Amino acid sequence: MDDEVNPKTRMGAKREVPPPLQKLLEWDVKATKQFVSFLLNFKAVEQFKKQCKFLEWSCHGLVWLVCWIGFIYMIDSTDLYQTQVNMFIGLVIDIVAVAVIKSITRRRRPAIDDNPLSFGPDKYAFPSGHASRAVFVACFFTILDPVPWIFYPPIIAWCTSVCFSRLLIYRHHILDVLAGAGLGIFEALLLSIFWCNQSVSHWLINFMTDEKIEGASYDV
C-alpha cells in the first residue's frame, strides 16, 4: 500500500513512473492548482462552490444505484423496462470500471477526502467516477434513450457542473476529470452495442423482481 505520496504527481512515492508520464502528472497537479486558484477570484465561482456538496451527492454511484433499484421495484411499466434495465447495467459497468482503474492507477486525490463513503478504490482520484457517471447519464438520456429535448439543457448543465465541481473542491485533478468524461463516453458507446431490447429487458425485470411472466407455466 502506498502510504507515502509524491506531492508533485500524487502517485505513490515508491512507484516507478516513466519520465514522460511523470512530467505530465506534475503539470496536471500544477495546472489544477493554478486553474482553481484563478477561478476562485470570481465571486460567482465562489458562490457556486457552496453548491458542490449537493452536486457530489447528486452523482454519487451508491446513491444512483440504490435509487435506480428502488425505481425498478416501485414503477412497473413495460414502456420503461428498457430504460430501467439498460441504465442499471450502465451504472454497474461504470462503478466496476472506475473501481478497477482506480485500483490499478492508485493516484491520490489533490486534497484529503472528507467523504464518509470514500473507501477502498474510492480513495483514489484517477479517473473521476463522478465525471464518468455524469457524462454517461447525460449521453444515456440525450442519445441512447432520449428524453424530450426540453430536458437537454438541465441535463447538460448538471453534467458540466458535476465535472466542474470536482475540480473546485479539490477532489480531482484536470486529467482525472477528463479521463472520467472519456470513460463515460466509452461506457455509453459500449452500452449502445450491447443494448437490451424490449423482450430481454422484460425478462430481466421479471427475474430481478421475481415476478411470473404472463403466459408461462409453473410447477406447483
C-alpha atoms as a PDB file:
ATOM      1  CA  MET A   1       0.000   0.000   0.000  1.00  0.00           C
ATOM      2  CA  ASP A   2       1.327   3.461  -0.955  1.00  0.00           C
ATOM      3  CA  ASP A   3       1.441   5.399   2.327  1.00  0.00           C
ATOM      4  CA  GLU A   4       3.971   7.965   1.110  1.00  0.00           C
ATOM      5  CA  VAL A   5       2.811  10.152  -1.756  1.00  0.00           C
ATOM      6  CA  ASN A   6       4.868  12.162  -4.212  1.00  0.00           C
ATOM      7  CA  PRO A   7       3.339  15.669  -3.888  1.00  0.00           C
ATOM      8  CA  LYS A   8       4.383  16.575  -7.436  1.00  0.00           C
ATOM      9  CA  THR A   9       2.477  13.731  -9.100  1.00  0.00           C
ATOM     10  CA  ARG A  10       0.128  12.479  -6.316  1.00  0.00           C
ATOM     11  CA  MET A  11       1.351   8.951  -7.033  1.00  0.00           C
ATOM     12  CA  GLY A  12       2.872   6.572  -4.507  1.00  0.00           C
ATOM     13  CA  ALA A  13       6.414   7.653  -3.705  1.00  0.00           C
ATOM     14  CA  LYS A  14       7.721   4.107  -4.214  1.00  0.00           C
ATOM     15  CA  ARG A  15       6.034   3.595  -7.582  1.00  0.00           C
ATOM     16  CA  GLU A  16       8.178   3.844 -10.695  1.00  0.00           C
ATOM     17  CA  VAL A  17       6.589   6.261 -13.149  1.00  0.00           C
ATOM     18  CA  PRO A  18       8.004   6.689 -16.696  1.00  0.00           C
ATOM     19  CA  PRO A  19       9.609  10.151 -17.103  1.00  0.00           C
ATOM     20  CA  PRO A  20       7.148  11.386 -19.790  1.00  0.00           C
ATOM     21  CA  LEU A  21       4.172  10.351 -17.635  1.00  0.00           C
ATOM     22  CA  GLN A  22       5.775  11.868 -14.554  1.00  0.00           C
ATOM     23  CA  LYS A  23       6.143  15.223 -16.326  1.00  0.00           C
ATOM     24  CA  LEU A  24       2.515  15.059 -17.448  1.00  0.00           C
ATOM     25  CA  LEU A  25       1.309  14.309 -13.916  1.00  0.00           C
ATOM     26  CA  GLU A  26       3.461  17.090 -12.467  1.00  0.00           C
ATOM     27  CA  TRP A  27       1.969  19.522 -14.988  1.00  0.00           C
ATOM     28  CA  ASP A  28      -1.502  18.270 -14.089  1.00  0.00           C
ATOM     29  CA  VAL A  29      -1.004  18.986 -10.375  1.00  0.00           C
ATOM     30  CA  LYS A  30       0.326  22.490 -11.056  1.00  0.00           C
ATOM     31  CA  ALA A  31      -2.282  23.310 -13.700  1.00  0.00           C
ATOM     32  CA  THR A  32      -5.129  22.187 -11.443  1.00  0.00           C
ATOM     33  CA  LYS A  33      -3.966  24.372  -8.558  1.00  0.00           C
ATOM     34  CA  GLN A  34      -3.450  27.396 -10.815  1.00  0.00           C
ATOM     35  CA  PHE A  35      -6.776  26.896 -12.603  1.00  0.00           C
ATOM     36  CA  VAL A  36      -8.801  26.572  -9.395  1.00  0.00           C
ATOM     37  CA  SER A  37      -6.979  29.461  -7.695  1.00  0.00           C
ATOM     38  CA  PHE A  38      -7.713  31.688 -10.681  1.00  0.00           C
ATOM     39  CA  LEU A  39     -11.395  30.748 -10.778  1.00  0.00           C
ATOM     40  CA  LEU A  40     -11.887  31.354  -7.064  1.00  0.00           C
ATOM     41  CA  ASN A  41     -11.056  35.011  -7.620  1.00  0.00           C
ATOM     42  CA  PHE A  42     -14.514  35.378  -9.134  1.00  0.00           C
ATOM     43  CA  LYS A  43     -17.388  35.841  -6.712  1.00  0.00           C
ATOM     44  CA  ALA A  44     -19.805  33.819  -8.878  1.00  0.00           C
ATOM     45  CA  VAL A  45     -17.477  30.818  -8.760  1.00  0.00           C
ATOM     46  CA  GLU A  46     -17.081  31.193  -5.006  1.00  0.00           C
ATOM     47  CA  GLN A  47     -20.865  31.118  -4.662  1.00  0.00           C
ATOM     48  CA  PHE A  48     -21.059  28.099  -6.957  1.00  0.00           C
ATOM     49  CA  LYS A  49     -18.567  26.252  -4.758  1.00  0.00           C
ATOM     50  CA  LYS A  50     -21.134  26.241  -1.955  1.00  0.00           C
ATOM     51  CA  GLN A  51     -23.369  24.021  -4.098  1.00  0.00           C
ATOM     52  CA  CYS A  52     -20.631  21.488  -4.851  1.00  0.00           C
ATOM     53  CA  LYS A  53     -21.511  19.205  -1.944  1.00  0.00           C
ATOM     54  CA  PHE A  54     -25.030  18.813  -3.301  1.00  0.00           C
ATOM     55  CA  LEU A  55     -23.626  18.098  -6.770  1.00  0.00           C
ATOM     56  CA  GLU A  56     -21.303  15.499  -5.268  1.00  0.00           C
ATOM     57  CA  TRP A  57     -24.212  13.599  -3.713  1.00  0.00           C
ATOM     58  CA  SER A  58     -26.382  14.030  -6.813  1.00  0.00           C
ATOM     59  CA  CYS A  59     -23.906  11.938  -8.802  1.00  0.00           C
ATOM     60  CA  HIS A  60     -22.649   9.503  -6.178  1.00  0.00           C
ATOM     61  CA  GLY A  61     -22.526   5.945  -7.513  1.00  0.00           C
ATOM     62  CA  LEU A  62     -24.093   4.361  -4.428  1.00  0.00           C
ATOM     63  CA  VAL A  63     -26.927   6.908  -4.392  1.00  0.00           C
ATOM     64  CA  TRP A  64     -27.680   6.353  -8.079  1.00  0.00           C
ATOM     65  CA  LEU A  65     -27.567   2.571  -7.776  1.00  0.00           C
ATOM     66  CA  VAL A  66     -29.857   2.398  -4.723  1.00  0.00           C
ATOM     67  CA  CYS A  67     -32.329   4.917  -6.148  1.00  0.00           C
ATOM     68  CA  TRP A  68     -32.423   3.183  -9.518  1.00  0.00           C
ATOM     69  CA  ILE A  69     -33.080  -0.224  -7.963  1.00  0.00           C
ATOM     70  CA  GLY A  70     -35.890   1.397  -5.981  1.00  0.00           C
ATOM     71  CA  PHE A  71     -37.219   2.908  -9.210  1.00  0.00           C
ATOM     72  CA  ILE A  72     -37.254  -0.544 -10.846  1.00  0.00           C
ATOM     73  CA  TYR A  73     -39.186  -2.079  -7.948  1.00  0.00           C
ATOM     74  CA  MET A  74     -41.655   0.777  -7.456  1.00  0.00           C
ATOM     75  CA  ILE A  75     -42.506   1.659 -11.081  1.00  0.00           C
ATOM     76  CA  ASP A  76     -43.830  -1.275 -13.093  1.00  0.00           C
ATOM     77  CA  SER A  77     -44.373  -0.087 -16.658  1.00  0.00           C
ATOM     78  CA  THR A  78     -43.465  -2.028 -19.796  1.00  0.00           C
ATOM     79  CA  ASP A  79     -42.695   1.278 -21.524  1.00  0.00           C
ATOM     80  CA  LEU A  80     -39.871   1.859 -19.033  1.00  0.00           C
ATOM     81  CA  TYR A  81     -38.339  -1.626 -18.988  1.00  0.00           C
ATOM     82  CA  GLN A  82     -35.580  -0.854 -21.492  1.00  0.00           C
ATOM     83  CA  THR A  83     -34.708   2.378 -19.720  1.00  0.00           C
ATOM     84  CA  GLN A  84     -34.647   0.690 -16.312  1.00  0.00           C
ATOM     85  CA  VAL A  85     -32.565  -2.311 -17.371  1.00  0.00           C
ATOM     86  CA  ASN A  86     -30.050  -0.552 -19.588  1.00  0.00           C
ATOM     87  CA  MET A  87     -29.414   2.277 -17.154  1.00  0.00           C
ATOM     88  CA  PHE A  88     -28.909  -0.257 -14.353  1.00  0.00           C
ATOM     89  CA  ILE A  89     -26.409  -2.184 -16.478  1.00  0.00           C
ATOM     90  CA  GLY A  90     -24.638   1.042 -17.383  1.00  0.00           C
ATOM     91  CA  LEU A  91     -24.352   2.099 -13.739  1.00  0.00           C
ATOM     92  CA  VAL A  92     -22.897  -1.268 -12.767  1.00  0.00           C
ATOM     93  CA  ILE A  93     -20.389  -1.104 -15.637  1.00  0.00           C
ATOM     94  CA  ASP A  94     -19.402   2.409 -14.585  1.00  0.00           C
ATOM     95  CA  ILE A  95     -18.912   1.557 -10.909  1.00  0.00           C
ATOM     96  CA  VAL A  96     -16.897  -1.582 -11.688  1.00  0.00           C
ATOM     97  CA  ALA A  97     -14.766   0.098 -14.381  1.00  0.00           C
ATOM     98  CA  VAL A  98     -13.908   3.073 -12.172  1.00  0.00           C
ATOM     99  CA  ALA A  99     -13.060   0.827  -9.198  1.00  0.00           C
ATOM    100  CA  VAL A 100     -10.785  -1.393 -11.300  1.00  0.00           C
ATOM    101  CA  ILE A 101      -8.938   1.504 -12.937  1.00  0.00           C
ATOM    102  CA  LYS A 102      -8.512   3.310  -9.606  1.00  0.00           C
ATOM    103  CA  SER A 103      -7.134   0.141  -8.019  1.00  0.00           C
ATOM    104  CA  ILE A 104      -4.559  -0.086 -10.802  1.00  0.00           C
ATOM    105  CA  THR A 105      -3.515   3.571 -11.060  1.00  0.00           C
ATOM    106  CA  ARG A 106      -3.837   4.419  -7.339  1.00  0.00           C
ATOM    107  CA  ARG A 107      -3.318   8.118  -7.840  1.00  0.00           C
ATOM    108  CA  ARG A 108      -4.110  10.083  -4.703  1.00  0.00           C
ATOM    109  CA  ARG A 109      -6.624  12.917  -4.593  1.00  0.00           C
ATOM    110  CA  PRO A 110      -5.366  16.538  -4.575  1.00  0.00           C
ATOM    111  CA  ALA A 111      -6.642  17.037  -1.002  1.00  0.00           C
ATOM    112  CA  ILE A 112      -7.808  14.932   1.933  1.00  0.00           C
ATOM    113  CA  ASP A 113     -11.186  13.387   1.138  1.00  0.00           C
ATOM    114  CA  ASP A 114     -13.735  14.041   3.898  1.00  0.00           C
ATOM    115  CA  ASN A 115     -16.472  11.995   2.205  1.00  0.00           C
ATOM    116  CA  PRO A 116     -17.546   9.261   4.682  1.00  0.00           C
ATOM    117  CA  LEU A 117     -18.499   6.986   1.764  1.00  0.00           C
ATOM    118  CA  SER A 118     -14.987   7.090   0.311  1.00  0.00           C
ATOM    119  CA  PHE A 119     -13.297   3.773   0.990  1.00  0.00           C
ATOM    120  CA  GLY A 120     -11.255   1.190  -0.911  1.00  0.00           C
ATOM    121  CA  PRO A 121     -10.587   2.280  -4.515  1.00  0.00           C
ATOM    122  CA  ASP A 122     -12.715   5.402  -3.997  1.00  0.00           C
ATOM    123  CA  LYS A 123      -9.849   6.911  -2.011  1.00  0.00           C
ATOM    124  CA  TYR A 124      -8.036   7.376  -5.310  1.00  0.00           C
ATOM    125  CA  ALA A 125      -8.518  10.056  -7.933  1.00  0.00           C
ATOM    126  CA  PHE A 126      -7.934   8.616 -11.401  1.00  0.00           C
ATOM    127  CA  PRO A 127     -10.341   8.534 -13.135  1.00  0.00           C
ATOM    128  CA  SER A 128     -13.134  10.656 -11.688  1.00  0.00           C
ATOM    129  CA  GLY A 129     -16.124   8.401 -11.073  1.00  0.00           C
ATOM    130  CA  HIS A 130     -18.434  11.400 -10.764  1.00  0.00           C
ATOM    131  CA  ALA A 131     -17.309  12.713 -14.150  1.00  0.00           C
ATOM    132  CA  SER A 132     -17.696   9.329 -15.845  1.00  0.00           C
ATOM    133  CA  ARG A 133     -21.139   8.819 -14.306  1.00  0.00           C
ATOM    134  CA  ALA A 134     -22.354  12.335 -15.137  1.00  0.00           C
ATOM    135  CA  VAL A 135     -21.237  12.060 -18.753  1.00  0.00           C
ATOM    136  CA  PHE A 136     -22.677   8.552 -19.092  1.00  0.00           C
ATOM    137  CA  VAL A 137     -26.052   9.637 -17.674  1.00  0.00           C
ATOM    138  CA  ALA A 138     -26.094  12.673 -19.966  1.00  0.00           C
ATOM    139  CA  CYS A 139     -25.300  10.501 -23.001  1.00  0.00           C
ATOM    140  CA  PHE A 140     -27.932   7.976 -21.936  1.00  0.00           C
ATOM    141  CA  PHE A 141     -30.784  10.485 -21.702  1.00  0.00           C
ATOM    142  CA  THR A 142     -29.794  12.556 -24.755  1.00  0.00           C
ATOM    143  CA  ILE A 143     -28.544   9.884 -27.176  1.00  0.00           C
ATOM    144  CA  LEU A 144     -29.230   6.285 -26.136  1.00  0.00           C
ATOM    145  CA  ASP A 145     -32.721   6.712 -24.707  1.00  0.00           C
ATOM    146  CA  PRO A 146     -33.578  10.357 -25.413  1.00  0.00           C
ATOM    147  CA  VAL A 147     -35.956  12.263 -23.182  1.00  0.00           C
ATOM    148  CA  PRO A 148     -37.914  15.251 -24.597  1.00  0.00           C
ATOM    149  CA  TRP A 149     -35.488  17.894 -25.863  1.00  0.00           C
ATOM    150  CA  ILE A 150     -36.694  20.415 -23.290  1.00  0.00           C
ATOM    151  CA  PHE A 151     -34.782  18.418 -20.648  1.00  0.00           C
ATOM    152  CA  TYR A 152     -31.491  18.531 -22.584  1.00  0.00           C
ATOM    153  CA  PRO A 153     -30.259  21.904 -21.200  1.00  0.00           C
ATOM    154  CA  PRO A 154     -30.688  20.985 -17.498  1.00  0.00           C
ATOM    155  CA  ILE A 155     -29.123  17.553 -18.069  1.00  0.00           C
ATOM    156  CA  ILE A 156     -26.108  19.029 -19.843  1.00  0.00           C
ATOM    157  CA  ALA A 157     -25.836  21.835 -17.271  1.00  0.00           C
ATOM    158  CA  TRP A 158     -25.914  19.286 -14.423  1.00  0.00           C
ATOM    159  CA  CYS A 159     -23.291  17.118 -16.121  1.00  0.00           C
ATOM    160  CA  THR A 160     -20.977  20.089 -16.727  1.00  0.00           C
ATOM    161  CA  SER A 161     -21.482  21.379 -13.180  1.00  0.00           C
ATOM    162  CA  VAL A 162     -20.654  17.993 -11.647  1.00  0.00           C
ATOM    163  CA  CYS A 163     -17.398  17.742 -13.622  1.00  0.00           C
ATOM    164  CA  PHE A 164     -16.504  21.344 -12.837  1.00  0.00           C
ATOM    165  CA  SER A 165     -17.260  20.905  -9.139  1.00  0.00           C
ATOM    166  CA  ARG A 166     -14.799  18.029  -8.821  1.00  0.00           C
ATOM    167  CA  LEU A 167     -12.003  20.493  -9.514  1.00  0.00           C
ATOM    168  CA  LEU A 168     -13.318  23.310  -7.332  1.00  0.00           C
ATOM    169  CA  ILE A 169     -13.443  21.181  -4.177  1.00  0.00           C
ATOM    170  CA  TYR A 170     -10.110  19.526  -5.000  1.00  0.00           C
ATOM    171  CA  ARG A 171     -11.498  16.048  -5.320  1.00  0.00           C
ATOM    172  CA  HIS A 172      -9.704  15.562  -8.637  1.00  0.00           C
ATOM    173  CA  HIS A 173      -7.084  16.929 -10.992  1.00  0.00           C
ATOM    174  CA  ILE A 174      -7.842  18.088 -14.526  1.00  0.00           C
ATOM    175  CA  LEU A 175      -6.640  14.822 -16.092  1.00  0.00           C
ATOM    176  CA  ASP A 176      -8.754  12.803 -13.647  1.00  0.00           C
ATOM    177  CA  VAL A 177     -11.898  14.614 -14.786  1.00  0.00           C
ATOM    178  CA  LEU A 178     -11.020  14.417 -18.482  1.00  0.00           C
ATOM    179  CA  ALA A 179     -10.305  10.697 -18.179  1.00  0.00           C
ATOM    180  CA  GLY A 180     -13.588  10.198 -16.325  1.00  0.00           C
ATOM    181  CA  ALA A 181     -15.512  12.054 -19.037  1.00  0.00           C
ATOM    182  CA  GLY A 182     -13.832   9.920 -21.696  1.00  0.00           C
ATOM    183  CA  LEU A 183     -14.707   6.775 -19.775  1.00  0.00           C
ATOM    184  CA  GLY A 184     -18.351   7.882 -19.571  1.00  0.00           C
ATOM    185  CA  ILE A 185     -18.486   8.310 -23.352  1.00  0.00           C
ATOM    186  CA  PHE A 186     -16.907   4.880 -23.834  1.00  0.00           C
ATOM    187  CA  GLU A 187     -19.450   3.310 -21.477  1.00  0.00           C
ATOM    188  CA  ALA A 188     -22.311   4.862 -23.439  1.00  0.00           C
ATOM    189  CA  LEU A 189     -20.806   3.554 -26.679  1.00  0.00           C
ATOM    190  CA  LEU A 190     -20.378   0.091 -25.165  1.00  0.00           C
ATOM    191  CA  LEU A 191     -23.959   0.060 -23.930  1.00  0.00           C
ATOM    192  CA  SER A 192     -25.239   1.110 -27.351  1.00  0.00           C
ATOM    193  CA  ILE A 193     -23.580  -2.003 -28.815  1.00  0.00           C
ATOM    194  CA  PHE A 194     -24.982  -4.364 -26.176  1.00  0.00           C
ATOM    195  CA  TRP A 195     -28.332  -2.616 -25.729  1.00  0.00           C
ATOM    196  CA  CYS A 196     -31.031  -4.849 -24.223  1.00  0.00           C
ATOM    197  CA  ASN A 197     -34.175  -4.847 -26.350  1.00  0.00           C
ATOM    198  CA  GLN A 198     -37.740  -4.938 -25.019  1.00  0.00           C
ATOM    199  CA  SER A 199     -38.033  -8.736 -24.730  1.00  0.00           C
ATOM    200  CA  VAL A 200     -34.690  -9.116 -22.950  1.00  0.00           C
ATOM    201  CA  SER A 201     -35.482  -6.169 -20.673  1.00  0.00           C
ATOM    202  CA  HIS A 202     -38.886  -7.667 -19.851  1.00  0.00           C
ATOM    203  CA  TRP A 203     -37.283 -10.982 -18.893  1.00  0.00           C
ATOM    204  CA  LEU A 204     -34.613  -9.286 -16.767  1.00  0.00           C
ATOM    205  CA  ILE A 205     -37.140  -7.112 -14.938  1.00  0.00           C
ATOM    206  CA  ASN A 206     -39.211 -10.182 -14.080  1.00  0.00           C
ATOM    207  CA  PHE A 207     -36.072 -12.029 -12.997  1.00  0.00           C
ATOM    208  CA  MET A 208     -34.928  -9.111 -10.793  1.00  0.00           C
ATOM    209  CA  THR A 209     -38.337  -8.607  -9.200  1.00  0.00           C
ATOM    210  CA  ASP A 210     -39.064 -12.359  -9.046  1.00  0.00           C
ATOM    211  CA  GLU A 211     -42.391 -11.974 -10.831  1.00  0.00           C
ATOM    212  CA  LYS A 212     -44.028 -14.613 -13.009  1.00  0.00           C
ATOM    213  CA  ILE A 213     -44.246 -13.870 -16.709  1.00  0.00           C
ATOM    214  CA  GLU A 214     -47.746 -13.912 -18.071  1.00  0.00           C
ATOM    215  CA  GLY A 215     -48.448 -16.957 -20.250  1.00  0.00           C
ATOM    216  CA  ALA A 216     -45.659 -19.082 -18.781  1.00  0.00           C
ATOM    217  CA  SER A 217     -46.329 -22.352 -16.982  1.00  0.00           C
ATOM    218  CA  TYR A 218     -45.058 -23.048 -13.480  1.00  0.00           C
ATOM    219  CA  ASP A 219     -44.918 -26.222 -11.413  1.00  0.00           C
ATOM    220  CA  VAL A 220     -46.743 -26.014  -8.105  1.00  0.00           C
END
